[in-house]
Amino acid sequence: MILFADDTNLLFELEDQNTHVIQNELINIAEWFSINKLSLNISKTKYMLFGKNKSLRKDPICLKINDINISQVNSISFLGVMIQDNLKWNENITIKGNKISKVNSILYRMKHVLPETVMIHIYNALVVPHLNYAILA
């Protein structure tokens, strides 16, 4: 279990296509949330399968919380970093690249208006955090 602020992430190793253990843990977690008067936003609850043999699964996984199906996704944002089920980074790179590109475009148009020191401060404030955070995360 990984807890950070209001995000909770569960990691399971699935063996022999047995999802009973995971389903029981989901029931326990939903009960714990209820007992502690916390809300669980099931519409934001997703699961993802990692591994190269995902396509070899015979039956789709059916996980539920409070009789509501949890949907499977191929990628999800984890603390601001897009994680893909194939453990590649192209989606994260595209998102970060788009954000940086917008700032770069503004800086390009402002290069004749603003002094270089101001441009550097803007770059350090709006571009560098995107580059550094992904490396740390």
Protein backbone atom coordinates (compact mmCIF):
# COMPACT_ATOMS: atom_id res chain seq x y z
CA MET A 1 0.00 0.00 0.00
CA ILE A 2 1.29 3.45 -0.93
CA LEU A 3 -0.33 6.43 0.79
CA PHE A 4 0.34 10.02 -0.20
CA ALA A 5 -1.97 12.86 0.87
CA ASP A 6 -5.39 11.78 -0.44
CA ASP A 7 -4.06 9.12 -2.84
CA THR A 8 -4.05 5.45 -1.91
CA ASN A 9 -2.46 2.86 -4.17
CA LEU A 10 -2.48 -0.89 -3.71
CA LEU A 11 0.00 -3.20 -5.37
CA PHE A 12 -0.67 -6.92 -5.71
CA GLU A 13 1.17 -9.75 -7.34
CA LEU A 14 -1.36 -11.91 -9.13
CA GLU A 15 -0.58 -15.60 -9.39
CA ASP A 16 -2.54 -18.39 -11.05
CA GLN A 17 -5.28 -15.95 -12.13
CA ASN A 18 -6.62 -16.03 -8.56
CA THR A 19 -8.31 -12.69 -7.83
CA HIS A 20 -10.03 -13.77 -4.59
CA VAL A 21 -7.24 -12.35 -2.43
CA ILE A 22 -7.43 -8.99 -4.18
CA GLN A 23 -11.23 -8.90 -3.96
CA ASN A 24 -11.11 -9.69 -0.23
CA GLU A 25 -8.59 -6.90 0.33
CA LEU A 26 -10.80 -4.45 -1.56
CA ILE A 27 -13.72 -5.41 0.71
CA ASN A 28 -11.51 -4.87 3.79
CA ILE A 29 -10.33 -1.49 2.52
CA ALA A 30 -13.87 -0.32 1.73
CA GLU A 31 -14.92 -1.37 5.23
CA TRP A 32 -11.92 0.44 6.78
CA PHE A 33 -12.80 3.62 4.86
CA SER A 34 -16.39 3.38 6.09
CA ILE A 35 -15.42 2.75 9.72
CA ASN A 36 -13.03 5.72 9.67
CA LYS A 37 -15.65 7.96 8.03
CA LEU A 38 -13.57 8.43 4.90
CA SER A 39 -15.04 8.53 1.43
CA LEU A 40 -13.79 6.33 -1.34
CA ASN A 41 -14.43 7.77 -4.80
CA ILE A 42 -15.12 4.55 -6.68
CA SER A 43 -15.54 6.41 -9.98
CA LYS A 44 -11.84 7.37 -9.74
CA THR A 45 -10.79 3.88 -8.63
CA LYS A 46 -9.04 1.97 -11.42
CA TYR A 47 -6.77 -1.02 -11.78
CA MET A 48 -3.94 -1.79 -14.12
CA LEU A 49 -2.16 -5.02 -15.01
CA PHE A 50 1.59 -4.96 -15.56
CA GLY A 51 3.58 -7.57 -17.38
CA LYS A 52 4.25 -9.00 -20.79
CA ASN A 53 1.85 -11.97 -20.49
CA LYS A 54 -1.33 -9.91 -19.88
CA SER A 55 -2.76 -10.99 -23.21
CA LEU A 56 -2.48 -14.66 -22.17
CA ARG A 57 -5.14 -14.26 -19.45
CA LYS A 58 -8.09 -16.55 -20.08
CA ASP A 59 -10.73 -14.56 -18.22
CA PRO A 60 -10.97 -10.81 -17.70
CA ILE A 61 -10.49 -9.70 -14.11
CA CYS A 62 -13.68 -8.55 -12.44
CA LEU A 63 -12.97 -6.48 -9.34
CA LYS A 64 -15.71 -4.74 -7.37
CA ILE A 65 -16.06 -2.36 -4.46
CA ASN A 66 -19.53 -2.16 -2.91
CA ASP A 67 -20.89 -4.11 -5.91
CA ILE A 68 -19.56 -1.49 -8.35
CA ASN A 69 -17.16 -2.70 -11.03
CA ILE A 70 -13.68 -1.21 -11.12
CA SER A 71 -12.51 -0.51 -14.63
CA GLN A 72 -9.16 -1.53 -16.05
CA VAL A 73 -6.91 1.15 -17.58
CA ASN A 74 -3.73 1.07 -19.66
CA SER A 75 -2.24 4.19 -18.05
CA ILE A 76 -2.83 6.25 -14.94
CA SER A 77 -1.38 9.34 -13.30
CA PHE A 78 0.63 8.42 -10.22
CA LEU A 79 1.72 11.51 -8.27
CA GLY A 80 1.92 13.52 -11.48
CA VAL A 81 3.72 10.91 -13.55
CA MET A 82 1.87 8.88 -16.18
CA ILE A 83 2.50 5.17 -15.59
CA GLN A 84 1.69 2.83 -18.47
CA ASP A 85 0.98 -0.88 -18.16
CA ASN A 86 3.80 -1.65 -20.60
CA LEU A 87 6.18 0.44 -18.44
CA LYS A 88 7.06 2.76 -21.31
CA TRP A 89 7.21 6.53 -20.93
CA ASN A 90 5.78 7.85 -24.22
CA GLU A 91 2.51 9.09 -22.69
CA ASN A 92 4.31 10.87 -19.85
CA ILE A 93 6.80 12.41 -22.28
CA THR A 94 3.96 13.64 -24.53
CA ILE A 95 2.12 15.30 -21.63
CA LYS A 96 5.24 16.94 -20.19
CA GLY A 97 6.39 17.92 -23.69
CA ASN A 98 3.08 19.66 -24.40
CA LYS A 99 3.28 21.65 -21.16
CA ILE A 100 6.88 22.68 -21.81
CA SER A 101 6.12 23.50 -25.45
CA LYS A 102 3.43 26.00 -24.44
CA VAL A 103 5.82 27.83 -22.13
CA ASN A 104 8.57 27.69 -24.75
CA SER A 105 6.24 29.26 -27.30
CA ILE A 106 5.43 32.14 -24.95
CA LEU A 107 9.10 32.65 -24.12
CA TYR A 108 9.96 32.73 -27.81
CA ARG A 109 7.39 35.44 -28.48
CA MET A 110 8.54 37.47 -25.46
CA LYS A 111 12.30 37.29 -26.10
CA HIS A 112 12.40 40.79 -27.61
CA VAL A 113 10.18 42.29 -24.91
CA LEU A 114 11.55 40.88 -21.64
CA PRO A 115 15.12 41.05 -20.37
CA GLU A 116 17.13 37.83 -20.38
CA THR A 117 17.16 37.58 -16.57
CA VAL A 118 13.36 37.64 -16.48
CA MET A 119 13.22 35.02 -19.22
CA ILE A 120 15.54 32.79 -17.18
CA HIS A 121 13.36 33.21 -14.08
CA ILE A 122 10.25 32.29 -16.07
CA TYR A 123 12.02 29.24 -17.53
CA ASN A 124 13.22 28.16 -14.07
CA ALA A 125 9.73 28.61 -12.64
CA LEU A 126 7.65 27.00 -15.40
CA VAL A 127 9.87 24.50 -17.25
CA VAL A 128 12.53 23.17 -14.89
CA PRO A 129 10.03 21.77 -12.33
CA HIS A 130 8.46 19.54 -15.03
CA LEU A 131 11.86 18.17 -15.96
CA ASN A 132 13.13 17.69 -12.41
CA TYR A 133 9.96 16.27 -10.87
CA ALA A 134 9.64 13.42 -13.34
CA ILE A 135 13.26 12.44 -12.71
CA LEU A 136 12.73 12.37 -8.92
CA ALA A 137 9.40 10.58 -9.10
